[in-house]
Amino acid sequence: MKRHVWSKERGVRLLKAEANFEAYREKYPSARLVKVPSVRKLEEWSNECGCKAIDGCWVEPDGTCGHGFPSWLLAMGMI
């Protein structure tokens, strides 16, 4: 199973199969496991003039939520 992780320091990354999330989080305290949306879902959100942030809040496509998390489009470097 592919596990993705996001951190302020490194952005969205694929966590290696042998990697331990807790060890990764010690090095990057802002890290959290995330489920990366499909390209189709990102297109749908873009057509709705908004996007979900990595924590699920609804934000502007190039914005961040009140909790400080970027939109998926921004986190993935698509805008």
Protein backbone atom coordinates (compact mmCIF):
# COMPACT_ATOMS: atom_id res chain seq x y z
CA MET A 1 0.00 0.00 0.00
CA LYS A 2 1.32 3.43 -0.94
CA ARG A 3 1.47 5.91 1.91
CA HIS A 4 1.86 9.60 1.27
CA VAL A 5 3.03 12.09 3.80
CA TRP A 6 2.92 15.90 3.82
CA SER A 7 5.10 18.25 5.83
CA LYS A 8 5.72 21.99 5.71
CA GLU A 9 9.41 21.29 5.22
CA ARG A 10 9.15 18.84 2.31
CA GLY A 11 5.64 19.01 0.86
CA VAL A 12 3.92 15.85 -0.43
CA ARG A 13 6.12 12.76 -0.56
CA LEU A 14 5.64 9.05 -1.04
CA LEU A 15 6.76 7.33 2.15
CA LYS A 16 9.03 4.39 1.36
CA ALA A 17 7.65 0.97 2.28
CA GLU A 18 10.41 0.35 4.78
CA ALA A 19 10.12 3.83 6.32
CA ASN A 20 8.61 4.29 9.75
CA PHE A 21 6.17 7.21 9.93
CA GLU A 22 6.94 7.91 13.58
CA ALA A 23 10.67 8.22 12.79
CA TYR A 24 9.83 10.49 9.84
CA ARG A 25 7.65 12.63 12.12
CA GLU A 26 10.49 13.00 14.62
CA LYS A 27 12.59 14.53 11.86
CA TYR A 28 9.70 16.57 10.39
CA PRO A 29 7.29 17.47 13.22
CA SER A 30 4.64 18.94 10.90
CA ALA A 31 4.34 15.62 8.99
CA ARG A 32 0.98 13.94 8.60
CA LEU A 33 -0.25 10.99 6.59
CA VAL A 34 -2.50 12.09 3.73
CA LYS A 35 -4.61 10.54 1.00
CA VAL A 36 -3.67 12.19 -2.29
CA PRO A 37 -6.74 13.04 -4.41
CA SER A 38 -7.02 11.82 -7.99
CA VAL A 39 -6.36 14.12 -10.94
CA ARG A 40 -10.07 13.89 -11.78
CA LYS A 41 -11.01 15.11 -8.27
CA LEU A 42 -8.52 17.99 -8.55
CA GLU A 43 -10.12 18.98 -11.88
CA GLU A 44 -13.59 18.88 -10.33
CA TRP A 45 -12.49 21.12 -7.48
CA SER A 46 -10.80 23.51 -9.90
CA ASN A 47 -14.04 23.79 -11.89
CA GLU A 48 -15.83 24.66 -8.64
CA CYS A 49 -13.40 27.58 -8.15
CA GLY A 50 -12.07 26.09 -4.95
CA CYS A 51 -10.13 23.15 -3.61
CA LYS A 52 -9.75 21.14 -0.45
CA ALA A 53 -6.73 21.76 1.72
CA ILE A 54 -4.74 18.74 2.82
CA ASP A 55 -6.70 18.69 6.09
CA GLY A 56 -10.08 18.77 4.32
CA CYS A 57 -10.99 22.46 4.67
CA TRP A 58 -12.42 24.20 1.56
CA VAL A 59 -10.10 26.96 0.32
CA GLU A 60 -9.18 29.02 -2.73
CA PRO A 61 -7.17 26.94 -5.25
CA ASP A 62 -3.99 28.88 -4.41
CA GLY A 63 -4.77 29.39 -0.74
CA THR A 64 -4.28 27.95 2.69
CA CYS A 65 -6.88 27.17 5.33
CA GLY A 66 -7.19 28.80 8.72
CA HIS A 67 -5.13 25.96 10.19
CA GLY A 68 -2.21 26.79 7.88
CA PHE A 69 -2.54 23.87 5.45
CA PRO A 70 -2.24 24.52 1.69
CA SER A 71 -4.74 23.51 -0.97
CA TRP A 72 -3.98 20.24 -2.72
CA LEU A 73 -3.29 22.10 -5.97
CA LEU A 74 -0.72 24.23 -4.18
CA ALA A 75 0.78 21.35 -2.17
CA MET A 76 1.30 19.30 -5.34
CA GLY A 77 2.89 22.18 -7.22
CA MET A 78 0.12 22.38 -9.83
CA ILE A 79 -0.29 26.13 -9.34
